[in-house]
């Protein structure tokens, strides 16, 4: 059984044309194939800085809280569009890389510190505390294993 796919370029062109009724006019099958997060990712694949700024201010903050209202998200995307343009898949969002060690990130999140304060506080914290903080912050198994490796490396120093 093949999954139904909506033509992304048709969706993008309707958003650029500010067709606010486009989502409401879709069939039920097409509505199920309409994935707002993917569409926003495509919309951000442009060199138009105004459109990216509008997406960041008008759509991105609400994408998860309004997921039950894709028609409203579609209208917000129409408002954010600055007209017809060429889109490319935004690869930069695919690979998240961070130069900040995971342990520093834990301290930053848990204590709401900036990076420098978190680095200063890190030597004062016990390994058990850092593991507890990671658990309380809801980190996944792969992140926990990365933390354990950093803790082992920290002991060697």
Protein backbone atom coordinates (compact mmCIF):
# COMPACT_ATOMS: atom_id res chain seq x y z
CA UNK A 1 0.00 0.00 0.00
CA UNK A 2 1.54 3.30 -1.07
CA UNK A 3 1.25 6.42 0.98
CA UNK A 4 -0.55 9.34 -0.65
CA UNK A 5 1.72 12.33 -1.21
CA UNK A 6 0.69 15.89 -1.83
CA UNK A 7 2.60 17.78 -4.52
CA UNK A 8 4.80 20.10 -2.45
CA UNK A 9 5.41 22.50 -5.32
CA UNK A 10 1.67 22.93 -5.84
CA UNK A 11 1.29 23.71 -2.13
CA UNK A 12 4.17 26.21 -2.22
CA UNK A 13 2.76 27.96 -5.28
CA UNK A 14 -0.68 28.25 -3.62
CA UNK A 15 0.93 29.69 -0.48
CA UNK A 16 2.91 32.18 -2.57
CA UNK A 17 -0.32 33.13 -4.39
CA UNK A 18 -1.89 33.74 -0.95
CA UNK A 19 -4.63 31.19 -1.58
CA UNK A 20 -6.08 31.17 1.94
CA UNK A 21 -8.78 28.62 1.00
CA UNK A 22 -6.36 26.09 -0.49
CA UNK A 23 -6.27 23.85 2.59
CA UNK A 24 -10.06 23.94 3.03
CA UNK A 25 -10.54 22.96 -0.63
CA UNK A 26 -8.31 19.86 -0.35
CA UNK A 27 -9.81 16.38 -0.27
CA UNK A 28 -9.68 14.46 3.00
CA UNK A 29 -6.85 12.32 1.62
CA UNK A 30 -4.85 15.43 0.67
CA UNK A 31 -5.51 17.01 4.06
CA UNK A 32 -3.96 13.98 5.74
CA UNK A 33 -0.91 14.33 3.49
CA UNK A 34 -0.55 18.05 4.32
CA UNK A 35 2.35 18.17 6.79
CA UNK A 36 2.85 21.71 8.07
CA UNK A 37 6.35 21.10 9.47
CA UNK A 38 7.60 19.89 6.08
CA UNK A 39 5.97 22.80 4.26
CA UNK A 40 7.53 25.35 6.61
CA UNK A 41 10.89 23.72 6.06
CA UNK A 42 10.45 24.16 2.30
CA UNK A 43 9.29 27.75 2.75
CA UNK A 44 12.45 28.53 4.71
CA UNK A 45 14.58 27.24 1.81
CA UNK A 46 14.78 30.64 0.17
CA UNK A 47 17.19 33.55 0.16
CA UNK A 48 14.36 35.94 0.93
CA UNK A 49 15.29 37.13 4.42
CA UNK A 50 11.97 38.90 4.93
CA UNK A 51 10.06 35.67 4.35
CA UNK A 52 12.31 33.76 6.73
CA UNK A 53 11.87 36.46 9.36
CA UNK A 54 8.08 36.37 8.94
CA UNK A 55 8.05 32.58 9.20
CA UNK A 56 10.13 32.75 12.37
CA UNK A 57 7.86 35.34 13.94
CA UNK A 58 4.41 34.28 12.72
CA UNK A 59 4.51 30.53 12.15
CA UNK A 60 7.35 28.78 13.97
CA UNK A 61 6.28 29.77 17.51
CA UNK A 62 2.83 28.27 16.93
CA UNK A 63 3.53 25.19 14.83
CA UNK A 64 3.24 22.77 17.75
CA UNK A 65 0.52 24.53 19.72
CA UNK A 66 -1.73 24.84 16.66
CA UNK A 67 -1.05 21.41 15.13
CA UNK A 68 -4.75 20.54 15.40
CA UNK A 69 -5.57 23.53 13.18
CA UNK A 70 -3.62 23.04 9.93
CA UNK A 71 -5.98 25.45 8.16
CA UNK A 72 -4.86 28.23 10.48
CA UNK A 73 -1.20 27.30 10.04
CA UNK A 74 -1.72 27.39 6.27
CA UNK A 75 -3.15 30.91 6.53
CA UNK A 76 -0.20 32.01 8.65
CA UNK A 77 2.16 30.60 6.01
CA UNK A 78 0.28 32.56 3.33
CA UNK A 79 0.70 35.73 5.36
CA UNK A 80 4.42 34.99 5.73
CA UNK A 81 5.03 34.44 2.02
CA UNK A 82 6.45 37.34 0.05
CA UNK A 83 5.48 36.03 -3.38
CA UNK A 84 6.54 33.52 -6.01
CA UNK A 85 10.08 32.28 -5.78
CA UNK A 86 12.24 29.22 -6.19
CA UNK A 87 12.56 26.95 -3.15
CA UNK A 88 15.23 24.49 -2.14
CA UNK A 89 15.08 21.93 0.63
CA UNK A 90 16.70 23.55 3.65
CA UNK A 91 19.49 21.09 4.43
CA UNK A 92 20.99 23.24 7.17
CA UNK A 93 18.25 22.17 9.56
CA UNK A 94 18.86 18.48 8.89
CA UNK A 95 22.15 18.20 10.72
CA UNK A 96 22.21 19.81 14.10
CA UNK A 97 25.74 20.26 15.30
CA UNK A 98 26.79 21.90 18.47
CA UNK A 99 30.25 22.71 19.67
CA UNK A 100 28.96 22.94 23.25
CA UNK A 101 29.62 19.75 25.25
CA UNK A 102 26.51 17.97 26.46
CA UNK A 103 27.48 18.45 30.11
CA UNK A 104 27.61 22.21 29.63
CA UNK A 105 24.23 22.09 27.90
CA UNK A 106 22.74 20.24 30.86
CA UNK A 107 23.98 22.86 33.31
CA UNK A 108 22.73 25.65 31.03
CA UNK A 109 19.25 24.14 30.79
CA UNK A 110 18.90 23.05 34.39
CA UNK A 111 20.13 26.26 36.03
CA UNK A 112 19.17 28.62 33.19
CA UNK A 113 22.81 29.75 32.95
CA UNK A 114 24.59 31.23 29.98
CA UNK A 115 27.47 29.22 28.48
CA UNK A 116 30.25 30.89 30.46
CA UNK A 117 28.49 30.48 33.81
CA UNK A 118 27.70 26.83 32.98
CA UNK A 119 31.37 26.15 32.18
CA UNK A 120 32.39 27.76 35.50
CA UNK A 121 29.82 25.73 37.47
CA UNK A 122 30.56 22.36 35.83
CA UNK A 123 33.60 21.43 37.97
CA UNK A 124 31.54 22.04 41.12
CA UNK A 125 28.90 19.44 40.21
CA UNK A 126 29.09 15.72 40.93
CA UNK A 127 28.65 13.18 38.15
CA UNK A 128 25.55 11.74 39.86
CA UNK A 129 23.97 15.19 39.96
CA UNK A 130 24.61 15.74 36.28
CA UNK A 131 23.04 12.36 35.45
CA UNK A 132 20.02 13.24 37.59
CA UNK A 133 19.67 16.61 35.84
CA UNK A 134 19.84 14.90 32.44
CA UNK A 135 17.08 12.51 33.48
CA UNK A 136 14.93 15.33 34.85
CA UNK A 137 15.40 17.25 31.61
CA UNK A 138 14.02 14.23 29.72
CA UNK A 139 17.10 13.37 27.72
CA UNK A 140 16.95 10.26 25.55
CA UNK A 141 19.10 7.11 25.72
CA UNK A 142 21.52 8.26 23.01
CA UNK A 143 22.06 11.55 24.83
CA UNK A 144 22.55 9.75 28.16
CA UNK A 145 25.23 7.51 26.62
CA UNK A 146 26.97 10.62 25.26
CA UNK A 147 26.86 12.14 28.74
CA UNK A 148 28.40 9.00 30.26
CA UNK A 149 31.27 9.20 27.75
CA UNK A 150 31.87 12.86 28.62
CA UNK A 151 31.83 12.00 32.34
CA UNK A 152 34.44 9.25 31.78
CA UNK A 153 36.62 11.66 29.81
CA UNK A 154 36.22 14.24 32.58
CA UNK A 155 37.54 11.75 35.19
CA UNK A 156 40.67 11.14 33.13
CA UNK A 157 41.61 14.81 33.16
